[in-house]
Amino acid sequence: MSAKSFSFFFTLLLVGHFAMGQVDTLENSVEHQKFLTMVNANREQSYITFGSGLGNLEPLIFESRLSPSYFFTGQKRSWALVLNPQVQIRMLDRKSMPIRNPSYKVYVTYYHDIKFWQTSFLKKLFYRNALWYASVAHHSNGQDGSFYSPDTTRNVNLENGNFATNFLEIGVSSYHLEKLGKNNFSIREIKAWLEWHPPGWSINEMNDNYGYYRLYAKAGFIGPMRKRKDDAVNRWLQQSSLELKAGWIMGQMNGASPLDMSHRLVIDITYKYYPKWFDEVAFFMRFYRGQDYYNIYYLNGELTQLSAGITSNIMNFKKAVKYLK
């Protein structure tokens, strides 16, 4: 990790230390709880997979991500600051079970509600409740070796090659709660965001191959979209969610054309099941196709993977139903 990246990383941690000391300032109003429910829904969850799944990912014991979050908010209901440090690892299915160089991410994110949304035409085009957010983030692998292998010209150094980038992210999320009788409900989300890696915020070796502009959109559904006649199907869907995410990577990517779907398109589909007997954990199945998200491995070809595992459940459904009206 370069000195510049380390300084950036350290600064974010200092902000997070201040944030953690302010957790008790949360306001208990209904509107504030609705806002915090939407913030929680935006958070990235911790998870662990069972093996490497199906696809072209090298054989793994597991892939996991630890993703805690720390909140800071004032006496007003409409904003929050969140620190989200993440560590992601891949343990190889080899002798001694070695671990690939971890991915380290830190997000400092400012969230704010959109007050005019509920009185404008936007609530008809999208959903009734909405917020916007802006993040400053860091992503690295903690290594300081040469980006390319010393004995070759353009082969990436997967052993200890340095990977580090800082970026900005800005997005909008919109939510809707649909009640389906006394026992069923559906929570729906639409989200769009832009990721930008400004000039000079990444190591030079990434300039012509990473893609510094990224546009994403997501649609998420928890519970049945409509009430069905079969109660068993309703109960299963009530404990299920489906998330559909698509992205497009822009900028220089090893000479790929601006419309090259094979290099620029990202597809990420996740199904989750939330068993009642496992309150804070969900089982998931995920299909991912696109640029590898695991630090310097983005240069190791496109990743196609179908995986399954366990993820944290950060959404309290009872509170969500109470506040997202």
Protein backbone atom coordinates (compact mmCIF):
# COMPACT_ATOMS: atom_id res chain seq x y z
CA MET A 1 0.00 0.00 0.00
CA SER A 2 1.43 3.41 -0.95
CA ALA A 3 2.08 6.12 1.66
CA LYS A 4 -0.64 8.24 0.08
CA SER A 5 -3.18 5.43 0.29
CA PHE A 6 -2.20 4.62 3.86
CA SER A 7 -2.69 8.26 4.87
CA PHE A 8 -6.12 8.25 3.23
CA PHE A 9 -7.03 5.00 4.99
CA PHE A 10 -5.85 6.36 8.37
CA THR A 11 -7.88 9.54 7.94
CA LEU A 12 -11.04 7.51 7.36
CA LEU A 13 -10.36 5.50 10.52
CA LEU A 14 -10.02 8.71 12.54
CA VAL A 15 -13.41 9.83 11.26
CA GLY A 16 -14.79 6.43 12.24
CA HIS A 17 -13.37 6.70 15.76
CA PHE A 18 -15.27 9.98 16.20
CA ALA A 19 -18.39 8.38 14.75
CA MET A 20 -18.36 5.43 17.14
CA GLY A 21 -18.36 7.75 20.12
CA GLN A 22 -21.62 9.36 19.02
CA VAL A 23 -23.93 6.35 18.67
CA ASP A 24 -26.08 7.37 21.63
CA THR A 25 -27.25 10.58 19.92
CA LEU A 26 -29.90 8.76 17.80
CA GLU A 27 -33.34 10.32 17.87
CA ASN A 28 -36.31 8.07 18.57
CA SER A 29 -38.90 9.74 16.38
CA VAL A 30 -40.86 7.67 13.88
CA GLU A 31 -39.51 9.66 10.95
CA HIS A 32 -35.96 9.23 12.15
CA GLN A 33 -36.46 5.48 12.56
CA LYS A 34 -37.86 5.31 9.04
CA PHE A 35 -34.77 7.11 7.77
CA LEU A 36 -32.42 4.79 9.70
CA THR A 37 -34.30 1.77 8.34
CA MET A 38 -33.52 2.96 4.82
CA VAL A 39 -29.89 3.58 5.76
CA ASN A 40 -29.65 0.04 7.14
CA ALA A 41 -31.07 -1.37 3.94
CA ASN A 42 -28.22 0.32 2.02
CA ARG A 43 -25.46 -1.30 4.04
CA GLU A 44 -23.29 -4.06 2.57
CA GLN A 45 -23.63 -7.30 4.53
CA SER A 46 -21.08 -9.73 5.92
CA TYR A 47 -21.11 -13.20 4.34
CA ILE A 48 -19.25 -16.49 3.94
CA THR A 49 -19.59 -18.93 1.06
CA PHE A 50 -19.55 -22.72 1.02
CA GLY A 51 -16.51 -23.41 -1.16
CA SER A 52 -16.03 -21.61 -4.46
CA GLY A 53 -19.29 -22.64 -6.08
CA LEU A 54 -19.58 -23.20 -9.83
CA GLY A 55 -17.69 -21.15 -12.40
CA ASN A 56 -14.14 -20.15 -13.25
CA LEU A 57 -13.06 -19.07 -9.76
CA GLU A 58 -10.10 -21.09 -8.47
CA PRO A 59 -11.00 -23.81 -5.90
CA LEU A 60 -11.70 -22.24 -2.49
CA ILE A 61 -12.52 -23.39 1.02
CA PHE A 62 -14.57 -20.20 1.30
CA GLU A 63 -14.82 -16.54 0.38
CA SER A 64 -15.93 -14.17 3.12
CA ARG A 65 -16.49 -10.50 3.86
CA LEU A 66 -16.60 -8.86 7.28
CA SER A 67 -18.57 -5.63 6.99
CA PRO A 68 -19.40 -3.85 10.29
CA SER A 69 -20.89 -0.33 10.33
CA TYR A 70 -20.71 2.53 12.83
CA PHE A 71 -23.25 5.36 12.91
CA PHE A 72 -23.11 9.03 13.74
CA THR A 73 -26.23 11.19 13.55
CA GLY A 74 -27.43 14.45 15.07
CA GLN A 75 -30.65 15.54 16.69
CA LYS A 76 -32.27 16.08 13.32
CA ARG A 77 -33.88 13.10 11.63
CA SER A 78 -32.72 13.68 8.08
CA TRP A 79 -29.03 12.76 7.95
CA ALA A 80 -26.47 10.21 9.15
CA LEU A 81 -22.75 9.54 8.75
CA VAL A 82 -21.67 5.89 8.55
CA LEU A 83 -18.21 4.34 8.74
CA ASN A 84 -18.02 0.93 7.06
CA PRO A 85 -14.62 -0.85 7.14
CA GLN A 86 -14.55 -4.14 5.20
CA VAL A 87 -12.16 -7.08 4.97
CA GLN A 88 -12.69 -9.68 2.25
CA ILE A 89 -10.66 -12.91 1.98
CA ARG A 90 -10.43 -16.02 -0.19
CA MET A 91 -9.03 -19.20 1.40
CA LEU A 92 -7.68 -21.59 -1.23
CA ASP A 93 -8.49 -25.28 -1.33
CA ARG A 94 -4.81 -26.26 -1.32
CA LYS A 95 -2.25 -27.70 1.06
CA SER A 96 -2.06 -25.57 4.23
CA MET A 97 -5.15 -23.68 2.99
CA PRO A 98 -3.38 -20.42 2.04
CA ILE A 99 -5.28 -17.12 1.99
CA ARG A 100 -5.08 -14.79 -0.98
CA ASN A 101 -4.04 -11.21 -0.20
CA PRO A 102 -7.18 -9.75 1.41
CA SER A 103 -9.23 -6.91 0.00
CA TYR A 104 -9.47 -3.94 2.35
CA LYS A 105 -12.21 -1.37 1.89
CA VAL A 106 -13.27 1.61 3.97
CA TYR A 107 -16.35 3.72 3.24
CA VAL A 108 -17.30 6.98 4.93
CA THR A 109 -20.85 7.67 3.75
CA TYR A 110 -23.17 10.62 4.27
CA TYR A 111 -26.90 9.85 3.99
CA HIS A 112 -29.72 12.37 3.68
CA ASP A 113 -33.42 11.98 3.06
CA ILE A 114 -35.13 13.65 0.11
CA LYS A 115 -37.95 15.71 1.58
CA PHE A 116 -39.56 16.85 -1.66
CA TRP A 117 -39.78 13.26 -2.98
CA GLN A 118 -43.14 12.44 -1.37
CA THR A 119 -44.81 15.56 -2.77
CA SER A 120 -43.42 15.30 -6.30
CA PHE A 121 -44.03 13.13 -9.37
CA LEU A 122 -40.96 11.06 -8.42
CA LYS A 123 -42.90 8.97 -5.90
CA LYS A 124 -45.15 7.85 -8.77
CA LEU A 125 -42.26 7.02 -11.09
CA PHE A 126 -40.32 5.21 -8.36
CA TYR A 127 -41.29 4.56 -4.72
CA ARG A 128 -42.58 6.78 -1.94
CA ASN A 129 -39.61 6.88 0.47
CA ALA A 130 -36.17 7.94 -0.73
CA LEU A 131 -32.70 9.06 0.32
CA TRP A 132 -29.49 10.08 -1.36
CA TYR A 133 -25.95 9.35 -0.24
CA ALA A 134 -22.33 10.21 -1.03
CA SER A 135 -19.28 8.14 -0.09
CA VAL A 136 -15.52 8.58 0.04
CA ALA A 137 -13.90 5.15 -0.15
CA HIS A 138 -10.59 3.33 -0.24
CA HIS A 139 -9.85 -0.13 -1.73
CA SER A 140 -6.46 -1.88 -1.52
CA ASN A 141 -4.79 -5.23 -0.87
CA GLY A 142 -2.12 -4.12 1.62
CA GLN A 143 0.82 -5.09 -0.62
CA ASP A 144 3.80 -3.04 -1.83
CA GLY A 145 5.34 -5.25 -4.53
CA SER A 146 5.60 -4.46 -8.23
CA PHE A 147 2.22 -4.40 -9.99
CA TYR A 148 3.58 -6.66 -12.76
CA SER A 149 5.69 -9.76 -12.26
CA PRO A 150 9.41 -8.83 -12.48
CA ASP A 151 10.24 -11.68 -14.89
CA THR A 152 7.56 -10.74 -17.43
CA THR A 153 6.38 -7.65 -19.27
CA ARG A 154 2.61 -7.46 -18.64
CA ASN A 155 1.65 -10.38 -16.39
CA VAL A 156 0.03 -9.15 -13.19
CA ASN A 157 1.84 -9.94 -9.93
CA LEU A 158 -0.77 -11.85 -7.93
CA GLU A 159 1.63 -12.72 -5.13
CA ASN A 160 2.43 -9.27 -3.69
CA GLY A 161 1.59 -6.74 -6.38
CA ASN A 162 0.38 -3.38 -5.06
CA PHE A 163 -3.28 -2.52 -5.66
CA ALA A 164 -4.74 0.72 -4.30
CA THR A 165 -7.49 3.08 -5.40
CA ASN A 166 -9.61 5.78 -3.78
CA PHE A 167 -12.97 6.76 -5.17
CA LEU A 168 -16.21 8.68 -4.76
CA GLU A 169 -19.69 7.19 -4.90
CA ILE A 170 -23.03 8.95 -5.09
CA GLY A 171 -26.46 7.37 -5.35
CA VAL A 172 -30.21 7.42 -4.71
CA SER A 173 -32.37 4.71 -3.11
CA SER A 174 -36.17 4.53 -3.12
CA TYR A 175 -38.34 2.19 -0.99
CA HIS A 176 -41.94 1.06 -0.83
CA LEU A 177 -43.90 -1.16 1.56
CA GLU A 178 -46.89 -3.06 0.24
CA LYS A 179 -49.14 -4.77 2.80
CA LEU A 180 -50.71 -7.99 1.55
CA GLY A 181 -53.36 -8.90 4.11
CA LYS A 182 -52.71 -9.27 7.84
CA ASN A 183 -49.71 -11.59 7.68
CA ASN A 184 -47.85 -10.71 4.49
CA PHE A 185 -45.94 -7.70 3.22
CA SER A 186 -43.55 -6.78 0.44
CA ILE A 187 -40.61 -4.36 0.71
CA ARG A 188 -39.35 -3.06 -2.62
CA GLU A 189 -36.26 -1.04 -3.48
CA ILE A 190 -34.86 0.74 -6.51
CA LYS A 191 -31.33 2.07 -6.33
CA ALA A 192 -28.94 3.77 -8.76
CA TRP A 193 -25.40 4.97 -8.11
CA LEU A 194 -22.23 6.22 -9.79
CA GLU A 195 -18.67 5.29 -8.78
CA TRP A 196 -15.83 7.60 -9.85
CA HIS A 197 -12.09 7.16 -9.34
CA PRO A 198 -10.66 10.68 -9.85
CA PRO A 199 -7.29 11.19 -11.61
CA GLY A 200 -4.36 10.61 -9.28
CA TRP A 201 -6.42 8.73 -6.67
CA SER A 202 -5.20 5.31 -7.84
CA ILE A 203 -1.78 3.83 -8.52
CA ASN A 204 -0.51 4.65 -12.02
CA GLU A 205 -0.51 1.04 -13.23
CA MET A 206 -4.33 0.95 -13.05
CA ASN A 207 -4.89 3.97 -15.30
CA ASP A 208 -5.42 2.14 -18.59
CA ASN A 209 -7.03 -1.11 -17.48
CA TYR A 210 -9.36 -0.74 -14.45
CA GLY A 211 -12.22 1.46 -15.65
CA TYR A 212 -12.54 4.54 -13.47
CA TYR A 213 -16.25 5.28 -14.10
CA ARG A 214 -18.93 2.80 -13.06
CA LEU A 215 -22.71 3.09 -13.24
CA TYR A 216 -24.94 0.66 -11.33
CA ALA A 217 -28.65 0.02 -10.85
CA LYS A 218 -30.43 -2.38 -8.51
CA ALA A 219 -33.96 -3.64 -7.90
CA GLY A 220 -34.69 -5.54 -4.68
CA PHE A 221 -37.76 -7.38 -3.41
CA ILE A 222 -38.48 -8.85 0.03
CA GLY A 223 -41.63 -10.93 0.38
CA PRO A 224 -44.26 -11.81 -2.25
CA MET A 225 -45.02 -9.35 -5.01
CA ARG A 226 -48.69 -10.33 -4.64
CA LYS A 227 -50.64 -12.56 -2.31
CA ARG A 228 -51.11 -16.09 -3.65
CA LYS A 229 -53.81 -18.63 -2.88
CA ASP A 230 -51.36 -21.21 -1.54
CA ASP A 231 -50.41 -20.22 2.04
CA ALA A 232 -47.26 -22.37 1.93
CA VAL A 233 -46.02 -20.37 -1.06
CA ASN A 234 -46.86 -17.11 0.73
CA ARG A 235 -44.89 -18.20 3.82
CA TRP A 236 -41.87 -19.18 1.71
CA LEU A 237 -41.89 -15.93 -0.25
CA GLN A 238 -42.35 -13.92 2.97
CA GLN A 239 -39.01 -15.28 4.16
CA SER A 240 -37.29 -14.68 0.81
CA SER A 241 -35.70 -11.81 -1.08
CA LEU A 242 -34.38 -11.29 -4.58
CA GLU A 243 -31.82 -8.67 -5.60
CA LEU A 244 -31.06 -7.86 -9.24
CA LYS A 245 -28.05 -5.65 -9.90
CA ALA A 246 -26.48 -4.58 -13.17
CA GLY A 247 -23.47 -2.36 -13.81
CA TRP A 248 -21.51 -0.86 -16.67
CA ILE A 249 -17.78 -0.05 -16.38
CA MET A 250 -16.59 2.98 -18.36
CA GLY A 251 -13.12 4.33 -19.01
CA GLN A 252 -9.98 2.65 -20.32
CA MET A 253 -9.92 -1.13 -19.94
CA ASN A 254 -6.96 -2.59 -21.84
CA GLY A 255 -8.24 -1.25 -25.14
CA ALA A 256 -11.80 -2.59 -24.79
CA SER A 257 -14.31 -0.71 -26.93
CA PRO A 258 -16.89 1.51 -25.15
CA LEU A 259 -19.64 -1.01 -26.01
CA ASP A 260 -17.73 -4.20 -25.21
CA MET A 261 -20.24 -6.09 -23.05
CA SER A 262 -17.86 -8.98 -22.36
CA HIS A 263 -15.53 -6.66 -20.42
CA ARG A 264 -17.79 -3.86 -19.20
CA LEU A 265 -21.08 -5.47 -18.19
CA VAL A 266 -21.60 -6.61 -14.58
CA ILE A 267 -24.53 -8.86 -13.61
CA ASP A 268 -25.12 -9.69 -9.94
CA ILE A 269 -28.23 -11.66 -8.85
CA THR A 270 -28.77 -12.79 -5.26
CA TYR A 271 -31.55 -14.84 -3.68
CA LYS A 272 -31.78 -14.96 0.14
CA TYR A 273 -33.86 -17.04 2.51
CA TYR A 274 -34.41 -15.77 6.08
CA PRO A 275 -35.44 -18.69 8.32
CA LYS A 276 -37.51 -17.73 11.35
CA TRP A 277 -35.38 -19.95 13.59
CA PHE A 278 -32.17 -18.12 12.56
CA ASP A 279 -33.04 -14.53 13.38
CA GLU A 280 -29.89 -12.63 12.33
CA VAL A 281 -28.65 -14.90 9.54
CA ALA A 282 -29.86 -15.69 6.02
CA PHE A 283 -28.87 -18.30 3.47
CA PHE A 284 -28.09 -17.04 0.00
CA MET A 285 -27.38 -18.10 -3.56
CA ARG A 286 -25.59 -15.65 -5.85
CA PHE A 287 -24.77 -15.47 -9.54
CA TYR A 288 -22.05 -13.01 -10.52
CA ARG A 289 -20.61 -12.25 -13.93
CA GLY A 290 -18.18 -9.40 -14.61
CA GLN A 291 -14.86 -7.92 -13.62
CA ASP A 292 -13.41 -9.67 -10.56
CA TYR A 293 -14.09 -7.49 -7.48
CA TYR A 294 -11.20 -9.00 -5.47
CA ASN A 295 -8.47 -6.31 -5.61
CA ILE A 296 -5.67 -6.92 -8.16
CA TYR A 297 -7.45 -10.03 -9.46
CA TYR A 298 -9.54 -7.79 -11.70
CA LEU A 299 -6.78 -8.34 -14.30
CA ASN A 300 -7.02 -12.11 -14.03
CA GLY A 301 -9.87 -12.40 -16.53
CA GLU A 302 -13.65 -12.07 -16.20
CA LEU A 303 -15.27 -13.84 -13.25
CA THR A 304 -18.36 -16.03 -13.67
CA GLN A 305 -19.55 -17.67 -10.49
CA LEU A 306 -22.59 -19.31 -8.90
CA SER A 307 -22.06 -19.48 -5.14
CA ALA A 308 -24.01 -20.24 -1.96
CA GLY A 309 -23.44 -19.43 1.68
CA ILE A 310 -24.59 -17.61 4.81
CA THR A 311 -25.00 -13.86 5.16
CA SER A 312 -25.92 -11.50 7.97
CA ASN A 313 -29.48 -10.21 8.17
CA ILE A 314 -29.25 -6.48 8.88
CA MET A 315 -32.91 -5.78 8.14
CA ASN A 316 -35.36 -5.97 11.03
CA PHE A 317 -38.52 -6.80 9.09
CA LYS A 318 -40.95 -5.94 11.89
CA LYS A 319 -39.45 -2.47 12.27
CA ALA A 320 -39.30 -2.01 8.51
CA VAL A 321 -43.02 -2.80 8.19
CA LYS A 322 -43.77 -0.41 11.06
CA TYR A 323 -41.83 2.56 9.63
CA LEU A 324 -41.89 2.18 5.83
CA LYS A 325 -45.49 3.26 5.30
